[in-house]
PDB file of N, CA and C in Angstrom:
ATOM      1  N   MET A   1       4.921  -9.033  27.177  1.00  0.00           N
ATOM      2  CA  MET A   1       4.928  -7.743  26.541  1.00  0.00           C
ATOM      3  C   MET A   1       3.511  -7.382  26.117  1.00  0.00           C
ATOM      4  N   LYS A   2       3.067  -6.232  26.531  1.00  0.00           N
ATOM      5  CA  LYS A   2       1.725  -5.784  26.186  1.00  0.00           C
ATOM      6  C   LYS A   2       1.799  -4.884  24.954  1.00  0.00           C
ATOM      7  N   ILE A   3       0.956  -5.163  23.992  1.00  0.00           N
ATOM      8  CA  ILE A   3       0.914  -4.366  22.768  1.00  0.00           C
ATOM      9  C   ILE A   3      -0.384  -3.556  22.782  1.00  0.00           C
ATOM     10  N   ASN A   4      -0.281  -2.261  22.505  1.00  0.00           N
ATOM     11  CA  ASN A   4      -1.491  -1.456  22.557  1.00  0.00           C
ATOM     12  C   ASN A   4      -2.334  -1.660  21.299  1.00  0.00           C
ATOM     13  N   LYS A   5      -3.579  -1.242  21.374  1.00  0.00           N
ATOM     14  CA  LYS A   5      -4.543  -1.466  20.305  1.00  0.00           C
ATOM     15  C   LYS A   5      -4.099  -0.798  19.005  1.00  0.00           C
ATOM     16  N   GLU A   6      -3.612   0.443  19.087  1.00  0.00           N
ATOM     17  CA  GLU A   6      -3.208   1.173  17.891  1.00  0.00           C
ATOM     18  C   GLU A   6      -2.067   0.465  17.168  1.00  0.00           C
ATOM     19  N   LEU A   7      -1.078   0.002  17.901  1.00  0.00           N
ATOM     20  CA  LEU A   7       0.045  -0.703  17.297  1.00  0.00           C
ATOM     21  C   LEU A   7      -0.407  -2.025  16.689  1.00  0.00           C
ATOM     22  N   PHE A   8      -1.261  -2.759  17.404  1.00  0.00           N
ATOM     23  CA  PHE A   8      -1.777  -4.024  16.881  1.00  0.00           C
ATOM     24  C   PHE A   8      -2.518  -3.805  15.565  1.00  0.00           C
ATOM     25  N   LEU A   9      -3.414  -2.805  15.529  1.00  0.00           N
ATOM     26  CA  LEU A   9      -4.179  -2.536  14.317  1.00  0.00           C
ATOM     27  C   LEU A   9      -3.274  -2.074  13.180  1.00  0.00           C
ATOM     28  N   TYR A  10      -2.260  -1.266  13.508  1.00  0.00           N
ATOM     29  CA  TYR A  10      -1.319  -0.803  12.489  1.00  0.00           C
ATOM     30  C   TYR A  10      -0.591  -2.005  11.869  1.00  0.00           C
ATOM     31  N   LEU A  11      -0.125  -2.917  12.709  1.00  0.00           N
ATOM     32  CA  LEU A  11       0.565  -4.110  12.210  1.00  0.00           C
ATOM     33  C   LEU A  11      -0.383  -5.021  11.434  1.00  0.00           C
ATOM     34  N   PHE A  12      -1.589  -5.221  11.964  1.00  0.00           N
ATOM     35  CA  PHE A  12      -2.590  -6.066  11.313  1.00  0.00           C
ATOM     36  C   PHE A  12      -2.918  -5.548   9.913  1.00  0.00           C
ATOM     37  N   PHE A  13      -3.239  -4.252   9.820  1.00  0.00           N
ATOM     38  CA  PHE A  13      -3.596  -3.696   8.517  1.00  0.00           C
ATOM     39  C   PHE A  13      -2.376  -3.559   7.605  1.00  0.00           C
ATOM     40  N   GLY A  14      -1.195  -3.442   8.177  1.00  0.00           N
ATOM     41  CA  GLY A  14       0.024  -3.445   7.372  1.00  0.00           C
ATOM     42  C   GLY A  14       0.237  -4.790   6.693  1.00  0.00           C
ATOM     43  N   VAL A  15       0.036  -5.854   7.443  1.00  0.00           N
ATOM     44  CA  VAL A  15       0.152  -7.205   6.872  1.00  0.00           C
ATOM     45  C   VAL A  15      -0.943  -7.422   5.828  1.00  0.00           C
ATOM     46  N   LEU A  16      -2.166  -6.987   6.123  1.00  0.00           N
ATOM     47  CA  LEU A  16      -3.269  -7.126   5.179  1.00  0.00           C
ATOM     48  C   LEU A  16      -3.008  -6.314   3.908  1.00  0.00           C
ATOM     49  N   THR A  17      -2.444  -5.131   4.055  1.00  0.00           N
ATOM     50  CA  THR A  17      -2.090  -4.309   2.900  1.00  0.00           C
ATOM     51  C   THR A  17      -1.058  -5.022   2.031  1.00  0.00           C
ATOM     52  N   THR A  18      -0.065  -5.632   2.650  1.00  0.00           N
ATOM     53  CA  THR A  18       0.950  -6.377   1.915  1.00  0.00           C
ATOM     54  C   THR A  18       0.323  -7.555   1.175  1.00  0.00           C
ATOM     55  N   PHE A  19      -0.579  -8.265   1.840  1.00  0.00           N
ATOM     56  CA  PHE A  19      -1.281  -9.391   1.210  1.00  0.00           C
ATOM     57  C   PHE A  19      -2.076  -8.916  -0.003  1.00  0.00           C
ATOM     58  N   ILE A  20      -2.796  -7.808   0.142  1.00  0.00           N
ATOM     59  CA  ILE A  20      -3.581  -7.257  -0.965  1.00  0.00           C
ATOM     60  C   ILE A  20      -2.669  -6.876  -2.126  1.00  0.00           C
ATOM     61  N   ASN A  21      -1.536  -6.262  -1.813  1.00  0.00           N
ATOM     62  CA  ASN A  21      -0.589  -5.872  -2.847  1.00  0.00           C
ATOM     63  C   ASN A  21      -0.105  -7.095  -3.625  1.00  0.00           C
ATOM     64  N   ILE A  22       0.289  -8.122  -2.920  1.00  0.00           N
ATOM     65  CA  ILE A  22       0.798  -9.342  -3.561  1.00  0.00           C
ATOM     66  C   ILE A  22      -0.304 -10.027  -4.364  1.00  0.00           C
ATOM     67  N   LEU A  23      -1.511 -10.093  -3.813  1.00  0.00           N
ATOM     68  CA  LEU A  23      -2.637 -10.734  -4.497  1.00  0.00           C
ATOM     69  C   LEU A  23      -2.974 -10.008  -5.799  1.00  0.00           C
ATOM     70  N   ILE A  24      -3.076  -8.697  -5.738  1.00  0.00           N
ATOM     71  CA  ILE A  24      -3.412  -7.922  -6.935  1.00  0.00           C
ATOM     72  C   ILE A  24      -2.303  -8.048  -7.973  1.00  0.00           C
ATOM     73  N   TYR A  25      -1.055  -7.953  -7.532  1.00  0.00           N
ATOM     74  CA  TYR A  25       0.070  -8.120  -8.452  1.00  0.00           C
ATOM     75  C   TYR A  25      -0.004  -9.487  -9.150  1.00  0.00           C
ATOM     76  N   THR A  26      -0.234 -10.523  -8.384  1.00  0.00           N
ATOM     77  CA  THR A  26      -0.287 -11.879  -8.933  1.00  0.00           C
ATOM     78  C   THR A  26      -1.426 -12.035  -9.930  1.00  0.00           C
ATOM     79  N   VAL A  27      -2.594 -11.537  -9.578  1.00  0.00           N
ATOM     80  CA  VAL A  27      -3.752 -11.629 -10.483  1.00  0.00           C
ATOM     81  C   VAL A  27      -3.470 -10.874 -11.781  1.00  0.00           C
ATOM     82  N   LEU A  28      -2.917  -9.677 -11.671  1.00  0.00           N
ATOM     83  CA  LEU A  28      -2.662  -8.878 -12.868  1.00  0.00           C
ATOM     84  C   LEU A  28      -1.602  -9.502 -13.769  1.00  0.00           C
ATOM     85  N   THR A  29      -0.558 -10.091 -13.178  1.00  0.00           N
ATOM     86  CA  THR A  29       0.506 -10.669 -14.010  1.00  0.00           C
ATOM     87  C   THR A  29       0.176 -12.071 -14.502  1.00  0.00           C
ATOM     88  N   LYS A  30      -0.442 -12.885 -13.668  1.00  0.00           N
ATOM     89  CA  LYS A  30      -0.672 -14.292 -14.031  1.00  0.00           C
ATOM     90  C   LYS A  30      -1.983 -14.512 -14.795  1.00  0.00           C
ATOM     91  N   ILE A  31      -3.026 -13.778 -14.446  1.00  0.00           N
ATOM     92  CA  ILE A  31      -4.326 -13.991 -15.093  1.00  0.00           C
ATOM     93  C   ILE A  31      -4.535 -13.018 -16.251  1.00  0.00           C
ATOM     94  N   PHE A  32      -4.260 -11.728 -16.004  1.00  0.00           N
ATOM     95  CA  PHE A  32      -4.492 -10.717 -17.033  1.00  0.00           C
ATOM     96  C   PHE A  32      -3.254 -10.425 -17.878  1.00  0.00           C
ATOM     97  N   LEU A  33      -2.131 -11.054 -17.526  1.00  0.00           N
ATOM     98  CA  LEU A  33      -0.880 -10.972 -18.280  1.00  0.00           C
ATOM     99  C   LEU A  33      -0.368  -9.538 -18.467  1.00  0.00           C
ATOM    100  N   PHE A  34      -0.577  -8.703 -17.445  1.00  0.00           N
ATOM    101  CA  PHE A  34      -0.021  -7.351 -17.464  1.00  0.00           C
ATOM    102  C   PHE A  34       1.492  -7.434 -17.282  1.00  0.00           C
ATOM    103  N   HIS A  35       2.193  -6.438 -17.782  1.00  0.00           N
ATOM    104  CA  HIS A  35       3.631  -6.324 -17.568  1.00  0.00           C
ATOM    105  C   HIS A  35       3.875  -6.177 -16.066  1.00  0.00           C
ATOM    106  N   TYR A  36       4.999  -6.698 -15.590  1.00  0.00           N
ATOM    107  CA  TYR A  36       5.243  -6.694 -14.149  1.00  0.00           C
ATOM    108  C   TYR A  36       5.312  -5.288 -13.561  1.00  0.00           C
ATOM    109  N   GLN A  37       5.827  -4.320 -14.319  1.00  0.00           N
ATOM    110  CA  GLN A  37       5.904  -2.959 -13.788  1.00  0.00           C
ATOM    111  C   GLN A  37       4.517  -2.313 -13.704  1.00  0.00           C
ATOM    112  N   THR A  38       3.678  -2.545 -14.701  1.00  0.00           N
ATOM    113  CA  THR A  38       2.305  -2.044 -14.659  1.00  0.00           C
ATOM    114  C   THR A  38       1.567  -2.668 -13.487  1.00  0.00           C
ATOM    115  N   SER A  39       1.731  -3.964 -13.312  1.00  0.00           N
ATOM    116  CA  SER A  39       1.095  -4.666 -12.198  1.00  0.00           C
ATOM    117  C   SER A  39       1.580  -4.139 -10.852  1.00  0.00           C
ATOM    118  N   THR A  40       2.864  -3.860 -10.766  1.00  0.00           N
ATOM    119  CA  THR A  40       3.431  -3.334  -9.517  1.00  0.00           C
ATOM    120  C   THR A  40       2.811  -1.984  -9.168  1.00  0.00           C
ATOM    121  N   VAL A  41       2.708  -1.101 -10.150  1.00  0.00           N
ATOM    122  CA  VAL A  41       2.143   0.234  -9.898  1.00  0.00           C
ATOM    123  C   VAL A  41       0.669   0.140  -9.527  1.00  0.00           C
ATOM    124  N   LEU A  42      -0.109  -0.638 -10.274  1.00  0.00           N
ATOM    125  CA  LEU A  42      -1.536  -0.766  -9.971  1.00  0.00           C
ATOM    126  C   LEU A  42      -1.769  -1.403  -8.601  1.00  0.00           C
ATOM    127  N   ALA A  43      -1.002  -2.432  -8.285  1.00  0.00           N
ATOM    128  CA  ALA A  43      -1.131  -3.079  -6.969  1.00  0.00           C
ATOM    129  C   ALA A  43      -0.748  -2.105  -5.867  1.00  0.00           C
ATOM    130  N   TRP A  44       0.270  -1.297  -6.110  1.00  0.00           N
ATOM    131  CA  TRP A  44       0.701  -0.296  -5.129  1.00  0.00           C
ATOM    132  C   TRP A  44      -0.393   0.736  -4.892  1.00  0.00           C
ATOM    133  N   VAL A  45      -0.982   1.253  -5.967  1.00  0.00           N
ATOM    134  CA  VAL A  45      -2.030   2.273  -5.841  1.00  0.00           C
ATOM    135  C   VAL A  45      -3.207   1.737  -5.042  1.00  0.00           C
ATOM    136  N   ILE A  46      -3.653   0.544  -5.358  1.00  0.00           N
ATOM    137  CA  ILE A  46      -4.805  -0.040  -4.662  1.00  0.00           C
ATOM    138  C   ILE A  46      -4.469  -0.332  -3.205  1.00  0.00           C
ATOM    139  N   SER A  47      -3.286  -0.876  -2.953  1.00  0.00           N
ATOM    140  CA  SER A  47      -2.931  -1.200  -1.564  1.00  0.00           C
ATOM    141  C   SER A  47      -2.691   0.062  -0.735  1.00  0.00           C
ATOM    142  N   VAL A  48      -2.150   1.125  -1.328  1.00  0.00           N
ATOM    143  CA  VAL A  48      -1.963   2.374  -0.594  1.00  0.00           C
ATOM    144  C   VAL A  48      -3.314   3.005  -0.278  1.00  0.00           C
ATOM    145  N   LEU A  49      -4.246   2.940  -1.213  1.00  0.00           N
ATOM    146  CA  LEU A  49      -5.602   3.439  -0.949  1.00  0.00           C
ATOM    147  C   LEU A  49      -6.241   2.662   0.200  1.00  0.00           C
ATOM    148  N   PHE A  50      -6.095   1.340   0.166  1.00  0.00           N
ATOM    149  CA  PHE A  50      -6.611   0.504   1.251  1.00  0.00           C
ATOM    150  C   PHE A  50      -5.950   0.869   2.575  1.00  0.00           C
ATOM    151  N   ALA A  51      -4.637   1.043   2.560  1.00  0.00           N
ATOM    152  CA  ALA A  51      -3.909   1.392   3.784  1.00  0.00           C
ATOM    153  C   ALA A  51      -4.352   2.746   4.325  1.00  0.00           C
ATOM    154  N   PHE A  52      -4.544   3.721   3.436  1.00  0.00           N
ATOM    155  CA  PHE A  52      -4.976   5.046   3.881  1.00  0.00           C
ATOM    156  C   PHE A  52      -6.339   4.959   4.569  1.00  0.00           C
ATOM    157  N   ILE A  53      -7.272   4.278   3.941  1.00  0.00           N
ATOM    158  CA  ILE A  53      -8.634   4.181   4.496  1.00  0.00           C
ATOM    159  C   ILE A  53      -8.622   3.446   5.826  1.00  0.00           C
ATOM    160  N   THR A  54      -7.945   2.307   5.895  1.00  0.00           N
ATOM    161  CA  THR A  54      -7.952   1.537   7.140  1.00  0.00           C
ATOM    162  C   THR A  54      -7.180   2.244   8.250  1.00  0.00           C
ATOM    163  N   ASN A  55      -6.061   2.882   7.909  1.00  0.00           N
ATOM    164  CA  ASN A  55      -5.315   3.619   8.931  1.00  0.00           C
ATOM    165  C   ASN A  55      -6.124   4.804   9.442  1.00  0.00           C
ATOM    166  N   LYS A  56      -6.768   5.513   8.535  1.00  0.00           N
ATOM    167  CA  LYS A  56      -7.565   6.676   8.926  1.00  0.00           C
ATOM    168  C   LYS A  56      -8.721   6.267   9.825  1.00  0.00           C
ATOM    169  N   LYS A  57      -9.427   5.232   9.425  1.00  0.00           N
ATOM    170  CA  LYS A  57     -10.651   4.854  10.141  1.00  0.00           C
ATOM    171  C   LYS A  57     -10.392   4.002  11.379  1.00  0.00           C
ATOM    172  N   TYR A  58      -9.560   2.981  11.263  1.00  0.00           N
ATOM    173  CA  TYR A  58      -9.439   2.005  12.338  1.00  0.00           C
ATOM    174  C   TYR A  58      -8.210   2.205  13.236  1.00  0.00           C
ATOM    175  N   VAL A  59      -7.081   2.591  12.653  1.00  0.00           N
ATOM    176  CA  VAL A  59      -5.859   2.684  13.447  1.00  0.00           C
ATOM    177  C   VAL A  59      -5.815   3.986  14.224  1.00  0.00           C
ATOM    178  N   PHE A  60      -5.991   5.090  13.532  1.00  0.00           N
ATOM    179  CA  PHE A  60      -5.854   6.390  14.174  1.00  0.00           C
ATOM    180  C   PHE A  60      -7.190   7.039  14.509  1.00  0.00           C
ATOM    181  N   SER A  61      -8.281   6.397  14.117  1.00  0.00           N
ATOM    182  CA  SER A  61      -9.645   6.875  14.407  1.00  0.00           C
ATOM    183  C   SER A  61      -9.809   8.355  14.071  1.00  0.00           C
ATOM    184  N   SER A  62      -9.320   8.748  12.911  1.00  0.00           N
ATOM    185  CA  SER A  62      -9.427  10.142  12.480  1.00  0.00           C
ATOM    186  C   SER A  62     -10.883  10.494  12.231  1.00  0.00           C
ATOM    187  N   LYS A  63     -11.283  11.622  12.744  1.00  0.00           N
ATOM    188  CA  LYS A  63     -12.665  12.079  12.598  1.00  0.00           C
ATOM    189  C   LYS A  63     -12.781  13.226  11.596  1.00  0.00           C
ATOM    190  N   SER A  64     -11.696  13.566  10.930  1.00  0.00           N
ATOM    191  CA  SER A  64     -11.744  14.660   9.965  1.00  0.00           C
ATOM    192  C   SER A  64     -12.229  14.131   8.619  1.00  0.00           C
ATOM    193  N   TYR A  65     -13.454  14.511   8.259  1.00  0.00           N
ATOM    194  CA  TYR A  65     -14.029  14.028   7.012  1.00  0.00           C
ATOM    195  C   TYR A  65     -14.376  15.144   6.048  1.00  0.00           C
ATOM    196  N   THR A  66     -13.912  16.372   6.317  1.00  0.00           N
ATOM    197  CA  THR A  66     -14.127  17.427   5.335  1.00  0.00           C
ATOM    198  C   THR A  66     -13.228  17.147   4.142  1.00  0.00           C
ATOM    199  N   LEU A  67     -13.639  17.628   3.002  1.00  0.00           N
ATOM    200  CA  LEU A  67     -12.888  17.367   1.781  1.00  0.00           C
ATOM    201  C   LEU A  67     -11.455  17.862   1.891  1.00  0.00           C
ATOM    202  N   SER A  68     -11.268  19.043   2.449  1.00  0.00           N
ATOM    203  CA  SER A  68      -9.913  19.591   2.552  1.00  0.00           C
ATOM    204  C   SER A  68      -9.051  18.792   3.523  1.00  0.00           C
ATOM    205  N   ALA A  69      -9.633  18.336   4.628  1.00  0.00           N
ATOM    206  CA  ALA A  69      -8.870  17.559   5.604  1.00  0.00           C
ATOM    207  C   ALA A  69      -8.483  16.197   5.036  1.00  0.00           C
ATOM    208  N   VAL A  70      -9.421  15.537   4.382  1.00  0.00           N
ATOM    209  CA  VAL A  70      -9.137  14.223   3.786  1.00  0.00           C
ATOM    210  C   VAL A  70      -8.101  14.374   2.675  1.00  0.00           C
ATOM    211  N   PHE A  71      -8.229  15.429   1.873  1.00  0.00           N
ATOM    212  CA  PHE A  71      -7.262  15.665   0.803  1.00  0.00           C
ATOM    213  C   PHE A  71      -5.866  15.886   1.377  1.00  0.00           C
ATOM    214  N   ARG A  72      -5.766  16.698   2.408  1.00  0.00           N
ATOM    215  CA  ARG A  72      -4.469  16.980   3.025  1.00  0.00           C
ATOM    216  C   ARG A  72      -3.862  15.716   3.621  1.00  0.00           C
ATOM    217  N   GLU A  73      -4.661  14.967   4.388  1.00  0.00           N
ATOM    218  CA  GLU A  73      -4.167  13.722   4.981  1.00  0.00           C
ATOM    219  C   GLU A  73      -3.756  12.732   3.892  1.00  0.00           C
ATOM    220  N   GLY A  74      -4.593  12.613   2.857  1.00  0.00           N
ATOM    221  CA  GLY A  74      -4.301  11.689   1.769  1.00  0.00           C
ATOM    222  C   GLY A  74      -3.046  12.065   1.015  1.00  0.00           C
ATOM    223  N   LEU A  75      -2.874  13.359   0.766  1.00  0.00           N
ATOM    224  CA  LEU A  75      -1.695  13.829   0.054  1.00  0.00           C
ATOM    225  C   LEU A  75      -0.423  13.537   0.846  1.00  0.00           C
ATOM    226  N   LEU A  76      -0.435  13.829   2.125  1.00  0.00           N
ATOM    227  CA  LEU A  76       0.732  13.542   2.964  1.00  0.00           C
ATOM    228  C   LEU A  76       1.008  12.038   3.028  1.00  0.00           C
ATOM    229  N   PHE A  77      -0.041  11.255   3.159  1.00  0.00           N
ATOM    230  CA  PHE A  77       0.097   9.797   3.210  1.00  0.00           C
ATOM    231  C   PHE A  77       0.750   9.289   1.928  1.00  0.00           C
ATOM    232  N   ILE A  78       0.271   9.778   0.786  1.00  0.00           N
ATOM    233  CA  ILE A  78       0.786   9.318  -0.500  1.00  0.00           C
ATOM    234  C   ILE A  78       2.232   9.765  -0.707  1.00  0.00           C
ATOM    235  N   ILE A  79       2.541  10.991  -0.317  1.00  0.00           N
ATOM    236  CA  ILE A  79       3.921  11.471  -0.461  1.00  0.00           C
ATOM    237  C   ILE A  79       4.884  10.553   0.282  1.00  0.00           C
ATOM    238  N   TYR A  80       4.504  10.153   1.492  1.00  0.00           N
ATOM    239  CA  TYR A  80       5.380   9.266   2.262  1.00  0.00           C
ATOM    240  C   TYR A  80       5.441   7.867   1.667  1.00  0.00           C
ATOM    241  N   ARG A  81       4.390   7.470   0.977  1.00  0.00           N
ATOM    242  CA  ARG A  81       4.366   6.128   0.389  1.00  0.00           C
ATOM    243  C   ARG A  81       5.034   6.047  -0.978  1.00  0.00           C
ATOM    244  N   ILE A  82       5.238   7.182  -1.637  1.00  0.00           N
ATOM    245  CA  ILE A  82       5.877   7.160  -2.954  1.00  0.00           C
ATOM    246  C   ILE A  82       7.279   6.566  -2.867  1.00  0.00           C
ATOM    247  N   LEU A  83       7.962   6.820  -1.789  1.00  0.00           N
ATOM    248  CA  LEU A  83       9.277   6.228  -1.591  1.00  0.00           C
ATOM    249  C   LEU A  83       9.188   4.706  -1.619  1.00  0.00           C
ATOM    250  N   SER A  84       8.154   4.155  -0.997  1.00  0.00           N
ATOM    251  CA  SER A  84       8.011   2.691  -1.002  1.00  0.00           C
ATOM    252  C   SER A  84       7.750   2.171  -2.413  1.00  0.00           C
ATOM    253  N   LEU A  85       7.039   2.946  -3.248  1.00  0.00           N
ATOM    254  CA  LEU A  85       6.818   2.532  -4.636  1.00  0.00           C
ATOM    255  C   LEU A  85       8.144   2.504  -5.392  1.00  0.00           C
ATOM    256  N   GLY A  86       8.967   3.510  -5.203  1.00  0.00           N
ATOM    257  CA  GLY A  86      10.263   3.535  -5.864  1.00  0.00           C
ATOM    258  C   GLY A  86      11.122   2.349  -5.474  1.00  0.00           C
ATOM    259  N   ILE A  87      11.142   2.041  -4.196  1.00  0.00           N
ATOM    260  CA  ILE A  87      11.905   0.890  -3.713  1.00  0.00           C
ATOM    261  C   ILE A  87      11.329  -0.403  -4.285  1.00  0.00           C
ATOM    262  N   ASP A  88      10.001  -0.506  -4.306  1.00  0.00           N
ATOM    263  CA  ASP A  88       9.331  -1.691  -4.840  1.00  0.00           C
ATOM    264  C   ASP A  88       9.682  -1.894  -6.311  1.00  0.00           C
ATOM    265  N   LEU A  89       9.595  -0.820  -7.103  1.00  0.00           N
ATOM    266  CA  LEU A  89       9.927  -0.926  -8.528  1.00  0.00           C
ATOM    267  C   LEU A  89      11.390  -1.289  -8.739  1.00  0.00           C
ATOM    268  N   LEU A  90      12.278  -0.714  -7.937  1.00  0.00           N
ATOM    269  CA  LEU A  90      13.701  -1.023  -8.052  1.00  0.00           C
ATOM    270  C   LEU A  90      13.967  -2.494  -7.730  1.00  0.00           C
ATOM    271  N   ILE A  91      13.372  -2.991  -6.667  1.00  0.00           N
ATOM    272  CA  ILE A  91      13.552  -4.399  -6.293  1.00  0.00           C
ATOM    273  C   ILE A  91      13.003  -5.317  -7.379  1.00  0.00           C
ATOM    274  N   MET A  92      11.814  -4.981  -7.924  1.00  0.00           N
ATOM    275  CA  MET A  92      11.229  -5.803  -8.983  1.00  0.00           C
ATOM    276  C   MET A  92      12.131  -5.794 -10.223  1.00  0.00           C
ATOM    277  N   PHE A  93      12.673  -4.635 -10.587  1.00  0.00           N
ATOM    278  CA  PHE A  93      13.555  -4.538 -11.753  1.00  0.00           C
ATOM    279  C   PHE A  93      14.802  -5.391 -11.548  1.00  0.00           C
ATOM    280  N   ILE A  94      15.421  -5.258 -10.385  1.00  0.00           N
ATOM    281  CA  ILE A  94      16.633  -6.028 -10.099  1.00  0.00           C
ATOM    282  C   ILE A  94      16.317  -7.530 -10.090  1.00  0.00           C
ATOM    283  N   ALA A  95      15.234  -7.911  -9.423  1.00  0.00           N
ATOM    284  CA  ALA A  95      14.896  -9.339  -9.306  1.00  0.00           C
ATOM    285  C   ALA A  95      14.510  -9.950 -10.655  1.00  0.00           C
ATOM    286  N   ILE A  96      13.785  -9.202 -11.472  1.00  0.00           N
ATOM    287  CA  ILE A  96      13.287  -9.789 -12.716  1.00  0.00           C
ATOM    288  C   ILE A  96      14.239  -9.564 -13.888  1.00  0.00           C
ATOM    289  N   GLN A  97      14.721  -8.344 -14.054  1.00  0.00           N
ATOM    290  CA  GLN A  97      15.555  -8.037 -15.224  1.00  0.00           C
ATOM    291  C   GLN A  97      17.006  -8.456 -15.046  1.00  0.00           C
ATOM    292  N   ILE A  98      17.526  -8.304 -13.837  1.00  0.00           N
ATOM    293  CA  ILE A  98      18.945  -8.582 -13.634  1.00  0.00           C
ATOM    294  C   ILE A  98      19.172 -10.005 -13.118  1.00  0.00           C
ATOM    295  N   LEU A  99      18.458 -10.378 -12.073  1.00  0.00           N
ATOM    296  CA  LEU A  99      18.643 -11.721 -11.486  1.00  0.00           C
ATOM    297  C   LEU A  99      17.825 -12.802 -12.167  1.00  0.00           C
ATOM    298  N   ASN A 100      16.829 -12.365 -12.927  1.00  0.00           N
ATOM    299  CA  ASN A 100      15.938 -13.269 -13.660  1.00  0.00           C
ATOM    300  C   ASN A 100      15.240 -14.232 -12.733  1.00  0.00           C
TER     301      ASN A 100
END
């Protein structure tokens, strides 16, 4: 099975984004003793920013760098990712508060 470059980079940076999210969450909760929900939101924001930049530059090779174009792309990217934050927070709440 041949995998194209765009799909490979999307998967690669997706895994890296997940790693960054987990690393930041762990550092914030274990070292800085932040509440798990605060850590989840901060890790999400940083990892989504990382994902936006890497997807824009490396995966899709977007050449639109005007302020309005970047704002529009970023806004759409974030809107689609907000759902993942909600799911992430729900899973964390269930795993920590309910299942302990």
